[in-house]
C-alpha atoms as a PDB file:
ATOM      1  CA  MET A   1     -24.543  -1.990   2.757  1.00  0.00           C
ATOM      2  CA  SER A   2     -25.577  -0.914  -0.723  1.00  0.00           C
ATOM      3  CA  GLY A   3     -24.892  -3.160  -3.687  1.00  0.00           C
ATOM      4  CA  LYS A   4     -23.397  -0.886  -6.310  1.00  0.00           C
ATOM      5  CA  PRO A   5     -19.982   0.027  -4.816  1.00  0.00           C
ATOM      6  CA  LYS A   6     -19.578  -3.495  -3.394  1.00  0.00           C
ATOM      7  CA  GLU A   7     -20.261  -5.062  -6.791  1.00  0.00           C
ATOM      8  CA  ALA A   8     -17.874  -2.613  -8.477  1.00  0.00           C
ATOM      9  CA  ILE A   9     -15.038  -3.423  -6.065  1.00  0.00           C
ATOM     10  CA  SER A  10     -15.613  -7.167  -6.511  1.00  0.00           C
ATOM     11  CA  ARG A  11     -15.326  -6.718 -10.261  1.00  0.00           C
ATOM     12  CA  VAL A  12     -12.031  -4.869  -9.796  1.00  0.00           C
ATOM     13  CA  LEU A  13     -10.493  -7.910  -8.115  1.00  0.00           C
ATOM     14  CA  ASP A  14     -11.719 -10.081 -10.988  1.00  0.00           C
ATOM     15  CA  GLU A  15     -10.147  -7.746 -13.541  1.00  0.00           C
ATOM     16  CA  VAL A  16      -6.784  -7.628 -11.764  1.00  0.00           C
ATOM     17  CA  SER A  17      -6.677 -11.433 -11.658  1.00  0.00           C
ATOM     18  CA  LYS A  18      -6.806 -11.501 -15.467  1.00  0.00           C
ATOM     19  CA  ALA A  19      -3.313  -9.998 -15.591  1.00  0.00           C
ATOM     20  CA  VAL A  20      -1.785 -11.116 -12.295  1.00  0.00           C
ATOM     21  CA  ILE A  21      -1.933 -14.797 -11.362  1.00  0.00           C
ATOM     22  CA  GLY A  22      -1.371 -16.117  -7.861  1.00  0.00           C
ATOM     23  CA  GLN A  23      -1.356 -12.823  -5.959  1.00  0.00           C
ATOM     24  CA  ASP A  24      -5.015 -12.555  -4.934  1.00  0.00           C
ATOM     25  CA  GLU A  25      -4.208 -11.748  -1.290  1.00  0.00           C
ATOM     26  CA  VAL A  26      -1.862  -8.949  -2.320  1.00  0.00           C
ATOM     27  CA  ALA A  27      -4.500  -7.511  -4.659  1.00  0.00           C
ATOM     28  CA  HIS A  28      -7.060  -7.691  -1.839  1.00  0.00           C
ATOM     29  CA  ASP A  29      -4.749  -5.787   0.522  1.00  0.00           C
ATOM     30  CA  LEU A  30      -4.014  -3.137  -2.131  1.00  0.00           C
ATOM     31  CA  LEU A  31      -7.712  -2.585  -2.692  1.00  0.00           C
ATOM     32  CA  ALA A  32      -8.406  -2.476   1.056  1.00  0.00           C
ATOM     33  CA  ALA A  33      -5.758   0.236   1.403  1.00  0.00           C
ATOM     34  CA  LEU A  34      -7.278   2.190  -1.501  1.00  0.00           C
ATOM     35  CA  VAL A  35     -10.735   2.024   0.109  1.00  0.00           C
ATOM     36  CA  ALA A  36      -9.199   2.990   3.471  1.00  0.00           C
ATOM     37  CA  GLY A  37      -7.409   5.967   1.904  1.00  0.00           C
ATOM     38  CA  GLY A  38      -3.920   4.686   2.737  1.00  0.00           C
ATOM     39  CA  HIS A  39      -0.605   4.046   1.018  1.00  0.00           C
ATOM     40  CA  VAL A  40       1.185   0.740   0.494  1.00  0.00           C
ATOM     41  CA  LEU A  41       4.816  -0.371   0.512  1.00  0.00           C
ATOM     42  CA  LEU A  42       5.280  -3.479  -1.642  1.00  0.00           C
ATOM     43  CA  GLN A  43       8.327  -5.588  -0.872  1.00  0.00           C
ATOM     44  CA  GLY A  44       9.400  -8.463  -3.084  1.00  0.00           C
ATOM     45  CA  VAL A  45      12.073  -9.685  -5.443  1.00  0.00           C
ATOM     46  CA  PRO A  46      11.968  -8.525  -9.082  1.00  0.00           C
ATOM     47  CA  GLY A  47       9.639 -10.392 -11.396  1.00  0.00           C
ATOM     48  CA  VAL A  48       6.706 -11.123  -9.063  1.00  0.00           C
ATOM     49  CA  ALA A  49       4.341  -8.683 -10.859  1.00  0.00           C
ATOM     50  CA  LYS A  50       4.426  -5.763  -8.422  1.00  0.00           C
ATOM     51  CA  THR A  51       4.337  -3.105 -11.137  1.00  0.00           C
ATOM     52  CA  LEU A  52       1.906  -5.075 -13.287  1.00  0.00           C
ATOM     53  CA  MET A  53      -0.513  -5.369 -10.378  1.00  0.00           C
ATOM     54  CA  VAL A  54      -0.560  -1.615  -9.805  1.00  0.00           C
ATOM     55  CA  LYS A  55      -1.102  -0.969 -13.516  1.00  0.00           C
ATOM     56  CA  ALA A  56      -3.966  -3.480 -13.609  1.00  0.00           C
ATOM     57  CA  LEU A  57      -5.532  -1.913 -10.524  1.00  0.00           C
ATOM     58  CA  ALA A  58      -5.337   1.564 -12.067  1.00  0.00           C
ATOM     59  CA  ARG A  59      -6.911   0.374 -15.308  1.00  0.00           C
ATOM     60  CA  SER A  60      -9.668  -1.567 -13.531  1.00  0.00           C
ATOM     61  CA  VAL A  61     -10.696   1.457 -11.454  1.00  0.00           C
ATOM     62  CA  ASP A  62     -10.181   3.885 -14.364  1.00  0.00           C
ATOM     63  CA  LEU A  63      -7.700   5.986 -12.421  1.00  0.00           C
ATOM     64  CA  THR A  64      -4.721   7.951 -13.694  1.00  0.00           C
ATOM     65  CA  PHE A  65      -1.392   6.208 -13.093  1.00  0.00           C
ATOM     66  CA  ARG A  66       2.208   7.432 -13.103  1.00  0.00           C
ATOM     67  CA  ARG A  67       5.364   5.474 -12.379  1.00  0.00           C
ATOM     68  CA  VAL A  68       8.722   6.952 -11.385  1.00  0.00           C
ATOM     69  CA  GLN A  69      11.912   4.933 -11.096  1.00  0.00           C
ATOM     70  CA  PHE A  70      13.664   6.257  -8.002  1.00  0.00           C
ATOM     71  CA  THR A  71      17.411   6.556  -8.579  1.00  0.00           C
ATOM     72  CA  PRO A  72      20.335   8.135  -6.667  1.00  0.00           C
ATOM     73  CA  ASP A  73      20.275  11.228  -8.903  1.00  0.00           C
ATOM     74  CA  LEU A  74      16.513  11.846  -8.727  1.00  0.00           C
ATOM     75  CA  MET A  75      15.671  15.327  -7.432  1.00  0.00           C
ATOM     76  CA  PRO A  76      12.596  16.264  -5.345  1.00  0.00           C
ATOM     77  CA  SER A  77      11.331  18.506  -8.159  1.00  0.00           C
ATOM     78  CA  ASP A  78      11.422  15.494 -10.498  1.00  0.00           C
ATOM     79  CA  VAL A  79       8.601  14.108  -8.371  1.00  0.00           C
ATOM     80  CA  THR A  80       6.602  17.101  -7.174  1.00  0.00           C
ATOM     81  CA  GLY A  81       7.139  19.541 -10.061  1.00  0.00           C
ATOM     82  CA  ASN A  82       8.816  22.918 -10.378  1.00  0.00           C
ATOM     83  CA  VAL A  83       8.314  26.522 -11.364  1.00  0.00           C
ATOM     84  CA  VAL A  84       9.359  27.338 -14.922  1.00  0.00           C
ATOM     85  CA  LEU A  85       9.907  30.660 -16.660  1.00  0.00           C
ATOM     86  CA  GLU A  86       7.694  30.981 -19.708  1.00  0.00           C
ATOM     87  CA  GLU A  87       7.368  33.603 -22.418  1.00  0.00           C
ATOM     88  CA  ARG A  88       6.744  37.156 -21.244  1.00  0.00           C
ATOM     89  CA  SER A  89       8.837  36.306 -18.174  1.00  0.00           C
ATOM     90  CA  GLU A  90       5.886  34.654 -16.429  1.00  0.00           C
ATOM     91  CA  LEU A  91       6.474  32.010 -13.789  1.00  0.00           C
ATOM     92  CA  ARG A  92       4.253  28.948 -13.954  1.00  0.00           C
ATOM     93  CA  PHE A  93       4.173  25.795 -11.852  1.00  0.00           C
ATOM     94  CA  ARG A  94       4.651  22.651 -13.899  1.00  0.00           C
ATOM     95  CA  PRO A  95       3.108  19.713 -11.977  1.00  0.00           C
ATOM     96  CA  GLY A  96       5.289  16.645 -11.471  1.00  0.00           C
ATOM     97  CA  PRO A  97       4.203  13.015 -11.838  1.00  0.00           C
ATOM     98  CA  ILE A  98       2.938  12.996  -8.247  1.00  0.00           C
ATOM     99  CA  PHE A  99      -0.225  14.720  -9.543  1.00  0.00           C
ATOM    100  CA  THR A 100      -2.050  11.496 -10.324  1.00  0.00           C
ATOM    101  CA  ASN A 101      -4.406   9.030  -8.641  1.00  0.00           C
ATOM    102  CA  LEU A 102      -2.038   6.072  -8.292  1.00  0.00           C
ATOM    103  CA  PHE A 103       1.635   6.972  -7.972  1.00  0.00           C
ATOM    104  CA  LEU A 104       4.099   4.098  -8.183  1.00  0.00           C
ATOM    105  CA  ALA A 105       7.444   4.910  -6.549  1.00  0.00           C
ATOM    106  CA  ASP A 106       9.632   2.107  -7.865  1.00  0.00           C
ATOM    107  CA  GLU A 107      12.560   1.200  -5.585  1.00  0.00           C
ATOM    108  CA  LEU A 108      11.950   4.121  -3.257  1.00  0.00           C
ATOM    109  CA  ASN A 109      14.934   3.209  -1.085  1.00  0.00           C
ATOM    110  CA  ARG A 110      17.380   3.781  -3.957  1.00  0.00           C
ATOM    111  CA  THR A 111      16.969   7.556  -3.815  1.00  0.00           C
ATOM    112  CA  PRO A 112      18.546   9.835  -1.172  1.00  0.00           C
ATOM    113  CA  PRO A 113      16.556  10.899   1.916  1.00  0.00           C
ATOM    114  CA  LYS A 114      16.017  14.412   0.531  1.00  0.00           C
ATOM    115  CA  THR A 115      14.048  13.030  -2.420  1.00  0.00           C
ATOM    116  CA  GLN A 116      12.282  10.445  -0.263  1.00  0.00           C
ATOM    117  CA  ALA A 117      11.111  13.321   1.931  1.00  0.00           C
ATOM    118  CA  ALA A 118       9.457  14.966  -1.073  1.00  0.00           C
ATOM    119  CA  LEU A 119       6.690  12.396  -0.683  1.00  0.00           C
ATOM    120  CA  LEU A 120       5.970  13.097   2.976  1.00  0.00           C
ATOM    121  CA  GLU A 121       3.652  16.084   2.497  1.00  0.00           C
ATOM    122  CA  ALA A 122       1.879  14.444  -0.435  1.00  0.00           C
ATOM    123  CA  MET A 123       1.248  11.236   1.519  1.00  0.00           C
ATOM    124  CA  GLU A 124       0.129  12.933   4.730  1.00  0.00           C
ATOM    125  CA  GLU A 125      -1.728  16.033   3.548  1.00  0.00           C
ATOM    126  CA  ARG A 126      -2.613  15.155  -0.062  1.00  0.00           C
ATOM    127  CA  GLN A 127      -1.018  18.343  -1.337  1.00  0.00           C
ATOM    128  CA  VAL A 128       2.251  19.724  -2.699  1.00  0.00           C
ATOM    129  CA  SER A 129       3.669  23.051  -1.539  1.00  0.00           C
ATOM    130  CA  SER A 130       5.900  25.088  -3.825  1.00  0.00           C
ATOM    131  CA  GLU A 131       6.853  28.761  -3.938  1.00  0.00           C
ATOM    132  CA  GLY A 132       4.501  29.553  -1.049  1.00  0.00           C
ATOM    133  CA  ALA A 133       1.457  27.915  -2.648  1.00  0.00           C
ATOM    134  CA  SER A 134      -0.205  24.595  -1.740  1.00  0.00           C
ATOM    135  CA  ARG A 135      -1.697  22.584  -4.572  1.00  0.00           C
ATOM    136  CA  PRO A 136      -4.137  19.762  -3.825  1.00  0.00           C
ATOM    137  CA  LEU A 137      -3.584  16.325  -5.332  1.00  0.00           C
ATOM    138  CA  PRO A 138      -6.313  14.452  -7.231  1.00  0.00           C
ATOM    139  CA  LYS A 139      -8.846  12.313  -5.370  1.00  0.00           C
ATOM    140  CA  PRO A 140      -8.374   9.500  -4.719  1.00  0.00           C
ATOM    141  CA  PHE A 141      -4.618   9.673  -4.232  1.00  0.00           C
ATOM    142  CA  MET A 142      -2.483   6.696  -3.313  1.00  0.00           C
ATOM    143  CA  VAL A 143       1.274   6.106  -3.214  1.00  0.00           C
ATOM    144  CA  ILE A 144       2.408   2.560  -3.845  1.00  0.00           C
ATOM    145  CA  ALA A 145       6.152   2.180  -3.316  1.00  0.00           C
ATOM    146  CA  THR A 146       8.338  -0.836  -3.956  1.00  0.00           C
ATOM    147  CA  GLN A 147      11.613  -1.939  -2.468  1.00  0.00           C
ATOM    148  CA  ASN A 148      13.750  -4.988  -3.071  1.00  0.00           C
ATOM    149  CA  PRO A 149      14.636  -7.011   0.047  1.00  0.00           C
ATOM    150  CA  VAL A 150      17.639  -8.651  -1.627  1.00  0.00           C
ATOM    151  CA  GLU A 151      19.728  -5.812  -3.021  1.00  0.00           C
ATOM    152  CA  TYR A 152      20.991  -3.651  -0.195  1.00  0.00           C
ATOM    153  CA  GLU A 153      24.015  -2.069  -1.880  1.00  0.00           C
ATOM    154  CA  GLY A 154      23.353   1.514  -2.934  1.00  0.00           C
ATOM    155  CA  THR A 155      20.144   1.840  -0.938  1.00  0.00           C
ATOM    156  CA  TYR A 156      18.998   4.370   1.655  1.00  0.00           C
ATOM    157  CA  PRO A 157      16.885   2.745   4.394  1.00  0.00           C
ATOM    158  CA  LEU A 158      13.519   4.436   4.770  1.00  0.00           C
ATOM    159  CA  PRO A 159      13.340   6.400   8.059  1.00  0.00           C
ATOM    160  CA  GLU A 160      10.600   5.743  10.602  1.00  0.00           C
ATOM    161  CA  ALA A 161       8.737   8.931   9.607  1.00  0.00           C
ATOM    162  CA  GLN A 162       8.557   7.707   6.008  1.00  0.00           C
ATOM    163  CA  LEU A 163       7.554   4.162   6.912  1.00  0.00           C
ATOM    164  CA  ASP A 164       4.852   5.486   9.226  1.00  0.00           C
ATOM    165  CA  ARG A 165       3.091   7.092   6.247  1.00  0.00           C
ATOM    166  CA  PHE A 166       2.391   3.657   4.753  1.00  0.00           C
ATOM    167  CA  LEU A 167      -0.821   2.029   5.877  1.00  0.00           C
ATOM    168  CA  LEU A 168       0.486  -1.410   4.896  1.00  0.00           C
ATOM    169  CA  GLN A 169       3.739  -3.099   4.011  1.00  0.00           C
ATOM    170  CA  VAL A 170       2.734  -6.013   1.825  1.00  0.00           C
ATOM    171  CA  ASN A 171       5.271  -8.727   1.076  1.00  0.00           C
ATOM    172  CA  VAL A 172       4.897 -10.123  -2.436  1.00  0.00           C
ATOM    173  CA  GLY A 173       6.184 -13.673  -2.594  1.00  0.00           C
ATOM    174  CA  TYR A 174       6.542 -16.288  -5.275  1.00  0.00           C
ATOM    175  CA  PRO A 175       3.359 -17.861  -6.678  1.00  0.00           C
ATOM    176  CA  SER A 176       2.483 -21.447  -5.919  1.00  0.00           C
ATOM    177  CA  ALA A 177       3.686 -24.161  -8.297  1.00  0.00           C
ATOM    178  CA  ALA A 178       0.210 -24.423  -9.832  1.00  0.00           C
ATOM    179  CA  ASP A 179      -0.071 -20.662 -10.334  1.00  0.00           C
ATOM    180  CA  GLU A 180       3.432 -20.458 -11.786  1.00  0.00           C
ATOM    181  CA  ARG A 181       2.444 -23.148 -14.291  1.00  0.00           C
ATOM    182  CA  ARG A 182      -0.546 -21.019 -15.302  1.00  0.00           C
ATOM    183  CA  ILE A 183       1.801 -18.052 -15.767  1.00  0.00           C
ATOM    184  CA  LEU A 184       4.057 -20.136 -17.997  1.00  0.00           C
ATOM    185  CA  ASP A 185       1.041 -21.313 -20.006  1.00  0.00           C
ATOM    186  CA  MET A 186       0.018 -17.676 -20.482  1.00  0.00           C
ATOM    187  CA  HIS A 187       3.454 -16.777 -21.828  1.00  0.00           C
ATOM    188  CA  ASN A 188       3.584 -19.917 -23.962  1.00  0.00           C
ATOM    189  CA  SER A 189       0.294 -18.964 -25.612  1.00  0.00           C
ATOM    190  CA  GLY A 190       1.859 -15.709 -26.773  1.00  0.00           C
ATOM    191  CA  ALA A 191      -0.042 -13.450 -24.363  1.00  0.00           C
ATOM    192  CA  ASP A 192       1.706 -10.220 -23.449  1.00  0.00           C
ATOM    193  CA  PRO A 193       1.232  -9.671 -19.690  1.00  0.00           C
ATOM    194  CA  HIS A 194       2.007  -5.973 -20.126  1.00  0.00           C
ATOM    195  CA  ASP A 195      -0.742  -5.449 -22.715  1.00  0.00           C
ATOM    196  CA  LEU A 196      -3.653  -5.137 -20.320  1.00  0.00           C
ATOM    197  CA  GLU A 197      -6.135  -4.470 -23.099  1.00  0.00           C
ATOM    198  CA  SER A 198      -5.267  -7.721 -24.886  1.00  0.00           C
ATOM    199  CA  LEU A 199      -5.685  -9.592 -21.578  1.00  0.00           C
ATOM    200  CA  GLY A 200      -9.211  -8.230 -21.296  1.00  0.00           C
ATOM    201  CA  VAL A 201      -8.563  -5.966 -18.311  1.00  0.00           C
ATOM    202  CA  ARG A 202     -11.112  -3.164 -18.539  1.00  0.00           C
ATOM    203  CA  PRO A 203     -12.400  -0.331 -16.366  1.00  0.00           C
ATOM    204  CA  VAL A 204     -15.201  -1.628 -14.156  1.00  0.00           C
ATOM    205  CA  ALA A 205     -15.252   1.071 -11.471  1.00  0.00           C
ATOM    206  CA  GLY A 206     -14.454   4.734 -11.066  1.00  0.00           C
ATOM    207  CA  ALA A 207     -13.328   7.282  -8.520  1.00  0.00           C
ATOM    208  CA  GLY A 208     -16.933   7.694  -7.410  1.00  0.00           C
ATOM    209  CA  ASP A 209     -17.139   4.002  -6.544  1.00  0.00           C
ATOM    210  CA  ILE A 210     -14.004   4.280  -4.411  1.00  0.00           C
ATOM    211  CA  GLU A 211     -15.454   7.292  -2.616  1.00  0.00           C
ATOM    212  CA  ALA A 212     -18.740   5.454  -2.005  1.00  0.00           C
ATOM    213  CA  ALA A 213     -16.881   2.342  -0.851  1.00  0.00           C
ATOM    214  CA  ALA A 214     -14.831   4.418   1.597  1.00  0.00           C
ATOM    215  CA  ALA A 215     -17.984   5.971   3.027  1.00  0.00           C
ATOM    216  CA  GLU A 216     -19.570   2.563   3.549  1.00  0.00           C
ATOM    217  CA  ALA A 217     -16.391   1.071   5.020  1.00  0.00           C
ATOM    218  CA  ARG A 218     -16.319   3.806   7.643  1.00  0.00           C
ATOM    219  CA  GLN A 219     -19.721   2.577   8.835  1.00  0.00           C
ATOM    220  CA  ILE A 220     -18.508  -0.979   9.470  1.00  0.00           C
ATOM    221  CA  VAL A 221     -19.158  -1.926  13.099  1.00  0.00           C
ATOM    222  CA  VAL A 222     -16.247  -2.588  15.437  1.00  0.00           C
ATOM    223  CA  SER A 223     -17.253  -3.916  18.841  1.00  0.00           C
ATOM    224  CA  ASP A 224     -15.709  -2.685  22.074  1.00  0.00           C
ATOM    225  CA  GLU A 225     -14.179  -6.138  22.511  1.00  0.00           C
ATOM    226  CA  VAL A 226     -12.349  -5.935  19.158  1.00  0.00           C
ATOM    227  CA  ILE A 227     -11.165  -2.384  19.877  1.00  0.00           C
ATOM    228  CA  ASP A 228      -9.831  -3.573  23.249  1.00  0.00           C
ATOM    229  CA  TYR A 229      -8.136  -6.464  21.432  1.00  0.00           C
ATOM    230  CA  ILE A 230      -6.318  -4.089  19.053  1.00  0.00           C
ATOM    231  CA  GLN A 231      -5.190  -1.949  22.009  1.00  0.00           C
ATOM    232  CA  ARG A 232      -3.848  -4.965  23.865  1.00  0.00           C
ATOM    233  CA  LEU A 233      -1.979  -6.146  20.774  1.00  0.00           C
ATOM    234  CA  ALA A 234      -0.441  -2.694  20.330  1.00  0.00           C
ATOM    235  CA  ASP A 235       0.597  -2.575  23.974  1.00  0.00           C
ATOM    236  CA  ALA A 236       2.171  -6.017  23.660  1.00  0.00           C
ATOM    237  CA  THR A 237       4.446  -4.748  20.871  1.00  0.00           C
ATOM    238  CA  ARG A 238       5.739  -2.052  23.229  1.00  0.00           C
ATOM    239  CA  THR A 239       6.445  -4.411  26.131  1.00  0.00           C
ATOM    240  CA  SER A 240       7.852  -7.296  24.098  1.00  0.00           C
ATOM    241  CA  PRO A 241      11.467  -8.174  25.009  1.00  0.00           C
ATOM    242  CA  SER A 242      12.167  -8.480  21.270  1.00  0.00           C
ATOM    243  CA  THR A 243      11.322  -4.877  20.343  1.00  0.00           C
ATOM    244  CA  SER A 244      13.000  -1.548  20.971  1.00  0.00           C
ATOM    245  CA  LEU A 245      10.110   0.356  19.389  1.00  0.00           C
ATOM    246  CA  GLY A 246       6.506  -0.763  19.447  1.00  0.00           C
ATOM    247  CA  VAL A 247       3.444   0.323  17.530  1.00  0.00           C
ATOM    248  CA  SER A 248       2.284   3.911  18.033  1.00  0.00           C
ATOM    249  CA  PRO A 249      -1.346   4.893  18.695  1.00  0.00           C
ATOM    250  CA  ARG A 250      -1.491   5.964  15.048  1.00  0.00           C
ATOM    251  CA  GLY A 251      -0.378   2.482  14.016  1.00  0.00           C
ATOM    252  CA  ALA A 252      -3.130   0.946  16.142  1.00  0.00           C
ATOM    253  CA  ALA A 253      -5.688   3.244  14.535  1.00  0.00           C
ATOM    254  CA  MET A 254      -4.419   2.323  11.068  1.00  0.00           C
ATOM    255  CA  LEU A 255      -4.962  -1.383  11.801  1.00  0.00           C
ATOM    256  CA  LEU A 256      -8.521  -0.585  12.861  1.00  0.00           C
ATOM    257  CA  THR A 257      -9.143   1.447   9.696  1.00  0.00           C
ATOM    258  CA  VAL A 258      -7.855  -1.160   7.246  1.00  0.00           C
ATOM    259  CA  ALA A 259      -9.661  -3.951   9.100  1.00  0.00           C
ATOM    260  CA  LYS A 260     -12.934  -2.113   8.485  1.00  0.00           C
ATOM    261  CA  ALA A 261     -12.125  -1.744   4.778  1.00  0.00           C
ATOM    262  CA  SER A 262     -11.157  -5.400   4.504  1.00  0.00           C
ATOM    263  CA  ALA A 263     -14.331  -6.553   6.253  1.00  0.00           C
ATOM    264  CA  TRP A 264     -16.375  -4.375   3.886  1.00  0.00           C
ATOM    265  CA  ILE A 265     -14.701  -5.875   0.810  1.00  0.00           C
ATOM    266  CA  ASP A 266     -15.406  -9.350   2.187  1.00  0.00           C
ATOM    267  CA  GLY A 267     -19.097  -8.486   2.460  1.00  0.00           C
ATOM    268  CA  ARG A 268     -19.414  -8.266   6.237  1.00  0.00           C
ATOM    269  CA  GLU A 269     -20.870  -5.451   8.296  1.00  0.00           C
ATOM    270  CA  PHE A 270     -18.561  -5.925  11.276  1.00  0.00           C
ATOM    271  CA  VAL A 271     -14.877  -6.546  12.020  1.00  0.00           C
ATOM    272  CA  THR A 272     -13.903  -9.910  13.480  1.00  0.00           C
ATOM    273  CA  PRO A 273     -10.817 -10.806  15.531  1.00  0.00           C
ATOM    274  CA  ASP A 274      -9.672 -12.847  12.527  1.00  0.00           C
ATOM    275  CA  ASP A 275      -9.647  -9.660  10.418  1.00  0.00           C
ATOM    276  CA  VAL A 276      -7.280  -8.144  12.940  1.00  0.00           C
ATOM    277  CA  LYS A 277      -5.056 -11.235  13.066  1.00  0.00           C
ATOM    278  CA  THR A 278      -4.872 -11.425   9.267  1.00  0.00           C
ATOM    279  CA  LEU A 279      -3.799  -7.784   8.937  1.00  0.00           C
ATOM    280  CA  ILE A 280      -1.500  -7.431  11.950  1.00  0.00           C
ATOM    281  CA  LYS A 281       1.633  -8.257   9.943  1.00  0.00           C
ATOM    282  CA  PRO A 282       1.071  -6.035   6.874  1.00  0.00           C
ATOM    283  CA  ALA A 283      -0.203  -3.208   9.105  1.00  0.00           C
ATOM    284  CA  TRP A 284       2.567  -3.401  11.714  1.00  0.00           C
ATOM    285  CA  ARG A 285       5.657  -5.172  10.318  1.00  0.00           C
ATOM    286  CA  HIS A 286       7.117  -1.816   9.246  1.00  0.00           C
ATOM    287  CA  ARG A 287       6.147  -0.062  12.484  1.00  0.00           C
ATOM    288  CA  VAL A 288       8.019  -2.183  15.017  1.00  0.00           C
ATOM    289  CA  MET A 289      11.771  -2.033  15.543  1.00  0.00           C
ATOM    290  CA  LEU A 290      13.560  -5.114  16.805  1.00  0.00           C
ATOM    291  CA  ARG A 291      16.373  -5.025  19.328  1.00  0.00           C
ATOM    292  CA  PRO A 292      19.821  -5.345  17.704  1.00  0.00           C
ATOM    293  CA  GLU A 293      20.541  -8.640  19.438  1.00  0.00           C
ATOM    294  CA  VAL A 294      17.278 -10.096  18.121  1.00  0.00           C
ATOM    295  CA  GLU A 295      18.138  -9.030  14.572  1.00  0.00           C
ATOM    296  CA  MET A 296      21.648 -10.462  14.928  1.00  0.00           C
ATOM    297  CA  GLU A 297      20.106 -13.808  15.811  1.00  0.00           C
ATOM    298  CA  GLY A 298      17.970 -13.688  12.665  1.00  0.00           C
ATOM    299  CA  GLY A 299      14.766 -12.484  14.278  1.00  0.00           C
ATOM    300  CA  LYS A 300      12.070 -11.019  12.033  1.00  0.00           C
ATOM    301  CA  ALA A 301       9.215  -8.619  12.737  1.00  0.00           C
ATOM    302  CA  ASP A 302       6.690 -11.095  11.321  1.00  0.00           C
ATOM    303  CA  ALA A 303       7.745 -13.797  13.771  1.00  0.00           C
ATOM    304  CA  VAL A 304       7.523 -11.374  16.709  1.00  0.00           C
ATOM    305  CA  LEU A 305       4.049 -10.240  15.631  1.00  0.00           C
ATOM    306  CA  GLU A 306       2.906 -13.850  15.183  1.00  0.00           C
ATOM    307  CA  GLY A 307       4.084 -14.621  18.709  1.00  0.00           C
ATOM    308  CA  ILE A 308       2.215 -11.605  20.079  1.00  0.00           C
ATOM    309  CA  ALA A 309      -0.961 -12.596  18.231  1.00  0.00           C
ATOM    310  CA  ASP A 310      -0.676 -16.096  19.712  1.00  0.00           C
ATOM    311  CA  ARG A 311      -0.166 -14.789  23.268  1.00  0.00           C
ATOM    312  CA  VAL A 312      -2.824 -12.065  23.375  1.00  0.00           C
ATOM    313  CA  ALA A 313      -6.226 -13.636  23.863  1.00  0.00           C
ATOM    314  CA  ALA A 314      -8.737 -12.786  21.154  1.00  0.00           C
ATOM    315  CA  PRO A 315     -12.359 -12.023  22.048  1.00  0.00           C
ATOM    316  CA  ARG A 316     -14.869 -14.782  21.381  1.00  0.00           C
END
């Protein structure tokens, strides 16, 4: 494991923490997904720094960043771009905001399915097709979407095909009492949390570092025992009496991929069973479907996954 990309990624986490207090685990998962080449769905109530964290990440890695507020009247072309008629009657494609490194889709479930679907090709194939031509997106490319778990009125639930495109669903909770006090002290001192430059957040890595980190993460060792463990966990989600839909083989592979990236960020050359246990909820909570009677009784995907992780024996 070479030092340069690892040191750069460690500095990124330090820079993000200058702007966002009390969300270190969320920042770690975001960075693991970026290294793994995946997309992230952030779920949390307003005001817990979801947007600020993405902005700080983009600035720290010196990547381009675009944010789109998804609304009921948003059209697919508002995201992907459209063909415009210019002088001399020439048609030219005008790229939409999706042509960026980090694309923040704010409140994705507030826009109709037709506009949600505009992201599918971009997320899966890293390209946008229009008027018979396919246009590649910048590298790296990552979609980070947010949705609010409280406000359900006027929302369009994300279909399974859309959810499956997200490597992780990360729940962003409230900070601890001590961290919230630090946030209040920051505001009381007159600091503007949205002025990243004044907070000292600076670029400490680049796209090349992400590419190098991804290459090294792919070399992280996963033993046969840990691979068997992931397969048994996946199978348990399909046979659980609480689920009507378990994790697909793609979902199992995604857990393996992000576990390697997470282990690399943590400075290890191999994946441990604890890596798998730590990531099972963010990697799979959006991939399992509970039976209606379980949901009616207040059951949650996280609780089902915790029970599965407790029942399936981990390798020693």
